[in-house]
Amino acid sequence: MSLFRVLLSIIFPPLAVYDRGCGSILIVLILTCLGWIPGVIAALIILNKH
């Protein structure tokens, strides 16, 4: 997980997980619409998985 990805997940979480698949983008997008913090947390969790 690079510093650029972490900063991108804080600024705009769905864009940070674009290479993880459509499902990940959709989940993070929905969580970001419901609240910014859940979207950031989900993006960081998805980026932390190998």
PDB file of N, CA and C in Angstrom:
ATOM      1  N   MET A   1       0.857  -1.163   0.000  1.00  0.00           N
ATOM      2  CA  MET A   1       0.000   0.000   0.000  1.00  0.00           C
ATOM      3  C   MET A   1       0.911   1.237   0.000  1.00  0.00           C
ATOM      4  N   SER A   2       0.848   1.998  -1.076  1.00  0.00           N
ATOM      5  CA  SER A   2       1.712   3.161  -1.206  1.00  0.00           C
ATOM      6  C   SER A   2       1.087   4.389  -0.559  1.00  0.00           C
ATOM      7  N   LEU A   3       1.897   5.371  -0.350  1.00  0.00           N
ATOM      8  CA  LEU A   3       1.440   6.611   0.259  1.00  0.00           C
ATOM      9  C   LEU A   3       0.424   7.309  -0.641  1.00  0.00           C
ATOM     10  N   PHE A   4       0.636   7.226  -1.964  1.00  0.00           N
ATOM     11  CA  PHE A   4      -0.299   7.821  -2.915  1.00  0.00           C
ATOM     12  C   PHE A   4      -1.679   7.190  -2.789  1.00  0.00           C
ATOM     13  N   ARG A   5      -1.730   5.865  -2.658  1.00  0.00           N
ATOM     14  CA  ARG A   5      -3.018   5.181  -2.515  1.00  0.00           C
ATOM     15  C   ARG A   5      -3.713   5.545  -1.215  1.00  0.00           C
ATOM     16  N   VAL A   6      -2.963   5.699  -0.157  1.00  0.00           N
ATOM     17  CA  VAL A   6      -3.550   6.080   1.136  1.00  0.00           C
ATOM     18  C   VAL A   6      -4.146   7.478   1.042  1.00  0.00           C
ATOM     19  N   LEU A   7      -3.396   8.413   0.469  1.00  0.00           N
ATOM     20  CA  LEU A   7      -3.909   9.768   0.313  1.00  0.00           C
ATOM     21  C   LEU A   7      -5.125   9.804  -0.608  1.00  0.00           C
ATOM     22  N   LEU A   8      -5.088   9.002  -1.667  1.00  0.00           N
ATOM     23  CA  LEU A   8      -6.217   8.945  -2.586  1.00  0.00           C
ATOM     24  C   LEU A   8      -7.444   8.339  -1.917  1.00  0.00           C
ATOM     25  N   SER A   9      -7.239   7.354  -1.061  1.00  0.00           N
ATOM     26  CA  SER A   9      -8.375   6.756  -0.359  1.00  0.00           C
ATOM     27  C   SER A   9      -8.973   7.711   0.670  1.00  0.00           C
ATOM     28  N   ILE A  10      -8.187   8.642   1.171  1.00  0.00           N
ATOM     29  CA  ILE A  10      -8.720   9.631   2.095  1.00  0.00           C
ATOM     30  C   ILE A  10      -9.474  10.715   1.333  1.00  0.00           C
ATOM     31  N   ILE A  11      -8.967  11.116   0.183  1.00  0.00           N
ATOM     32  CA  ILE A  11      -9.601  12.182  -0.591  1.00  0.00           C
ATOM     33  C   ILE A  11     -10.828  11.679  -1.340  1.00  0.00           C
ATOM     34  N   PHE A  12     -10.687  10.592  -2.100  1.00  0.00           N
ATOM     35  CA  PHE A  12     -11.799  10.035  -2.880  1.00  0.00           C
ATOM     36  C   PHE A  12     -11.678   8.512  -2.879  1.00  0.00           C
ATOM     37  N   PRO A  13     -12.301   7.841  -1.907  1.00  0.00           N
ATOM     38  CA  PRO A  13     -12.111   6.411  -1.707  1.00  0.00           C
ATOM     39  C   PRO A  13     -12.411   5.509  -2.919  1.00  0.00           C
ATOM     40  N   PRO A  14     -13.474   5.724  -3.702  1.00  0.00           N
ATOM     41  CA  PRO A  14     -13.718   4.797  -4.814  1.00  0.00           C
ATOM     42  C   PRO A  14     -12.605   4.792  -5.870  1.00  0.00           C
ATOM     43  N   LEU A  15     -11.944   5.909  -6.052  1.00  0.00           N
ATOM     44  CA  LEU A  15     -10.873   5.971  -7.034  1.00  0.00           C
ATOM     45  C   LEU A  15      -9.640   5.200  -6.581  1.00  0.00           C
ATOM     46  N   ALA A  16      -9.457   5.051  -5.291  1.00  0.00           N
ATOM     47  CA  ALA A  16      -8.288   4.350  -4.764  1.00  0.00           C
ATOM     48  C   ALA A  16      -8.369   2.843  -4.999  1.00  0.00           C
ATOM     49  N   VAL A  17      -9.562   2.286  -5.151  1.00  0.00           N
ATOM     50  CA  VAL A  17      -9.714   0.837  -5.311  1.00  0.00           C
ATOM     51  C   VAL A  17     -10.125   0.457  -6.732  1.00  0.00           C
ATOM     52  N   TYR A  18      -9.791   1.291  -7.710  1.00  0.00           N
ATOM     53  CA  TYR A  18     -10.232   1.047  -9.080  1.00  0.00           C
ATOM     54  C   TYR A  18      -9.687  -0.241  -9.678  1.00  0.00           C
ATOM     55  N   ASP A  19      -8.528  -0.691  -9.261  1.00  0.00           N
ATOM     56  CA  ASP A  19      -7.944  -1.910  -9.838  1.00  0.00           C
ATOM     57  C   ASP A  19      -8.314  -3.176  -9.065  1.00  0.00           C
ATOM     58  N   ARG A  20      -9.136  -3.064  -8.050  1.00  0.00           N
ATOM     59  CA  ARG A  20      -9.538  -4.223  -7.240  1.00  0.00           C
ATOM     60  C   ARG A  20     -10.808  -4.889  -7.746  1.00  0.00           C
ATOM     61  N   GLY A  21     -11.438  -4.320  -8.753  1.00  0.00           N
ATOM     62  CA  GLY A  21     -12.633  -4.942  -9.307  1.00  0.00           C
ATOM     63  C   GLY A  21     -13.867  -4.082  -9.136  1.00  0.00           C
ATOM     64  N   CYS A  22     -14.861  -4.416  -9.915  1.00  0.00           N
ATOM     65  CA  CYS A  22     -16.099  -3.632  -9.932  1.00  0.00           C
ATOM     66  C   CYS A  22     -16.850  -3.732  -8.607  1.00  0.00           C
ATOM     67  N   GLY A  23     -16.822  -4.885  -7.980  1.00  0.00           N
ATOM     68  CA  GLY A  23     -17.518  -5.058  -6.701  1.00  0.00           C
ATOM     69  C   GLY A  23     -16.940  -4.188  -5.603  1.00  0.00           C
ATOM     70  N   SER A  24     -15.626  -4.095  -5.569  1.00  0.00           N
ATOM     71  CA  SER A  24     -14.975  -3.259  -4.557  1.00  0.00           C
ATOM     72  C   SER A  24     -15.298  -1.791  -4.775  1.00  0.00           C
ATOM     73  N   ILE A  25     -15.283  -1.370  -6.026  1.00  0.00           N
ATOM     74  CA  ILE A  25     -15.608   0.024  -6.326  1.00  0.00           C
ATOM     75  C   ILE A  25     -17.037   0.329  -5.920  1.00  0.00           C
ATOM     76  N   LEU A  26     -17.938  -0.585  -6.212  1.00  0.00           N
ATOM     77  CA  LEU A  26     -19.349  -0.378  -5.894  1.00  0.00           C
ATOM     78  C   LEU A  26     -19.580  -0.312  -4.385  1.00  0.00           C
ATOM     79  N   ILE A  27     -18.961  -1.211  -3.646  1.00  0.00           N
ATOM     80  CA  ILE A  27     -19.104  -1.220  -2.187  1.00  0.00           C
ATOM     81  C   ILE A  27     -18.569   0.069  -1.581  1.00  0.00           C
ATOM     82  N   VAL A  28     -17.389   0.475  -2.011  1.00  0.00           N
ATOM     83  CA  VAL A  28     -16.785   1.687  -1.463  1.00  0.00           C
ATOM     84  C   VAL A  28     -17.585   2.916  -1.884  1.00  0.00           C
ATOM     85  N   LEU A  29     -18.126   2.923  -3.093  1.00  0.00           N
ATOM     86  CA  LEU A  29     -18.935   4.048  -3.550  1.00  0.00           C
ATOM     87  C   LEU A  29     -20.212   4.182  -2.724  1.00  0.00           C
ATOM     88  N   ILE A  30     -20.876   3.072  -2.459  1.00  0.00           N
ATOM     89  CA  ILE A  30     -22.091   3.103  -1.647  1.00  0.00           C
ATOM     90  C   ILE A  30     -21.781   3.561  -0.228  1.00  0.00           C
ATOM     91  N   LEU A  31     -20.718   3.034   0.355  1.00  0.00           N
ATOM     92  CA  LEU A  31     -20.352   3.443   1.712  1.00  0.00           C
ATOM     93  C   LEU A  31     -19.935   4.906   1.770  1.00  0.00           C
ATOM     94  N   THR A  32     -19.290   5.396   0.711  1.00  0.00           N
ATOM     95  CA  THR A  32     -18.908   6.800   0.671  1.00  0.00           C
ATOM     96  C   THR A  32     -20.142   7.696   0.563  1.00  0.00           C
ATOM     97  N   CYS A  33     -21.140   7.256  -0.180  1.00  0.00           N
ATOM     98  CA  CYS A  33     -22.380   8.037  -0.282  1.00  0.00           C
ATOM     99  C   CYS A  33     -23.132   8.061   1.047  1.00  0.00           C
ATOM    100  N   LEU A  34     -23.047   6.981   1.801  1.00  0.00           N
ATOM    101  CA  LEU A  34     -23.709   6.933   3.104  1.00  0.00           C
ATOM    102  C   LEU A  34     -22.968   7.752   4.155  1.00  0.00           C
ATOM    103  N   GLY A  35     -21.702   7.862   3.980  1.00  0.00           N
ATOM    104  CA  GLY A  35     -20.875   8.619   4.917  1.00  0.00           C
ATOM    105  C   GLY A  35     -19.439   8.524   4.480  1.00  0.00           C
ATOM    106  N   TRP A  36     -18.721   9.617   4.573  1.00  0.00           N
ATOM    107  CA  TRP A  36     -17.368   9.645   4.049  1.00  0.00           C
ATOM    108  C   TRP A  36     -16.433   8.703   4.820  1.00  0.00           C
ATOM    109  N   ILE A  37     -16.557   8.663   6.132  1.00  0.00           N
ATOM    110  CA  ILE A  37     -15.652   7.856   6.959  1.00  0.00           C
ATOM    111  C   ILE A  37     -15.805   6.348   6.696  1.00  0.00           C
ATOM    112  N   PRO A  38     -17.021   5.797   6.576  1.00  0.00           N
ATOM    113  CA  PRO A  38     -17.113   4.378   6.233  1.00  0.00           C
ATOM    114  C   PRO A  38     -16.482   4.042   4.883  1.00  0.00           C
ATOM    115  N   GLY A  39     -16.579   4.957   3.931  1.00  0.00           N
ATOM    116  CA  GLY A  39     -15.943   4.743   2.631  1.00  0.00           C
ATOM    117  C   GLY A  39     -14.433   4.709   2.731  1.00  0.00           C
ATOM    118  N   VAL A  40     -13.881   5.599   3.540  1.00  0.00           N
ATOM    119  CA  VAL A  40     -12.425   5.632   3.734  1.00  0.00           C
ATOM    120  C   VAL A  40     -11.957   4.364   4.433  1.00  0.00           C
ATOM    121  N   ILE A  41     -12.681   3.941   5.445  1.00  0.00           N
ATOM    122  CA  ILE A  41     -12.303   2.723   6.171  1.00  0.00           C
ATOM    123  C   ILE A  41     -12.370   1.506   5.257  1.00  0.00           C
ATOM    124  N   ALA A  42     -13.430   1.400   4.467  1.00  0.00           N
ATOM    125  CA  ALA A  42     -13.558   0.265   3.549  1.00  0.00           C
ATOM    126  C   ALA A  42     -12.446   0.283   2.504  1.00  0.00           C
ATOM    127  N   ALA A  43     -12.115   1.446   1.979  1.00  0.00           N
ATOM    128  CA  ALA A  43     -11.041   1.543   0.990  1.00  0.00           C
ATOM    129  C   ALA A  43      -9.709   1.124   1.588  1.00  0.00           C
ATOM    130  N   LEU A  44      -9.436   1.554   2.806  1.00  0.00           N
ATOM    131  CA  LEU A  44      -8.173   1.169   3.444  1.00  0.00           C
ATOM    132  C   LEU A  44      -8.118  -0.324   3.736  1.00  0.00           C
ATOM    133  N   ILE A  45      -9.240  -0.911   4.112  1.00  0.00           N
ATOM    134  CA  ILE A  45      -9.281  -2.356   4.358  1.00  0.00           C
ATOM    135  C   ILE A  45      -9.053  -3.116   3.062  1.00  0.00           C
ATOM    136  N   ILE A  46      -9.713  -2.691   1.996  1.00  0.00           N
ATOM    137  CA  ILE A  46      -9.555  -3.375   0.712  1.00  0.00           C
ATOM    138  C   ILE A  46      -8.133  -3.222   0.197  1.00  0.00           C
ATOM    139  N   LEU A  47      -7.528  -2.049   0.359  1.00  0.00           N
ATOM    140  CA  LEU A  47      -6.164  -1.854  -0.091  1.00  0.00           C
ATOM    141  C   LEU A  47      -5.160  -2.629   0.748  1.00  0.00           C
ATOM    142  N   ASN A  48      -5.484  -2.913   1.993  1.00  0.00           N
ATOM    143  CA  ASN A  48      -4.561  -3.633   2.867  1.00  0.00           C
ATOM    144  C   ASN A  48      -4.534  -5.136   2.574  1.00  0.00           C
ATOM    145  N   LYS A  49      -5.600  -5.667   1.960  1.00  0.00           N
ATOM    146  CA  LYS A  49      -5.620  -7.095   1.614  1.00  0.00           C
ATOM    147  C   LYS A  49      -4.690  -7.353   0.433  1.00  0.00           C
ATOM    148  N   HIS A  50      -4.118  -8.541   0.407  1.00  0.00           N
ATOM    149  CA  HIS A  50      -3.197  -8.883  -0.694  1.00  0.00           C
ATOM    150  C   HIS A  50      -3.938  -9.465  -1.848  1.00  0.00           C
TER     151      HIS A  50
END
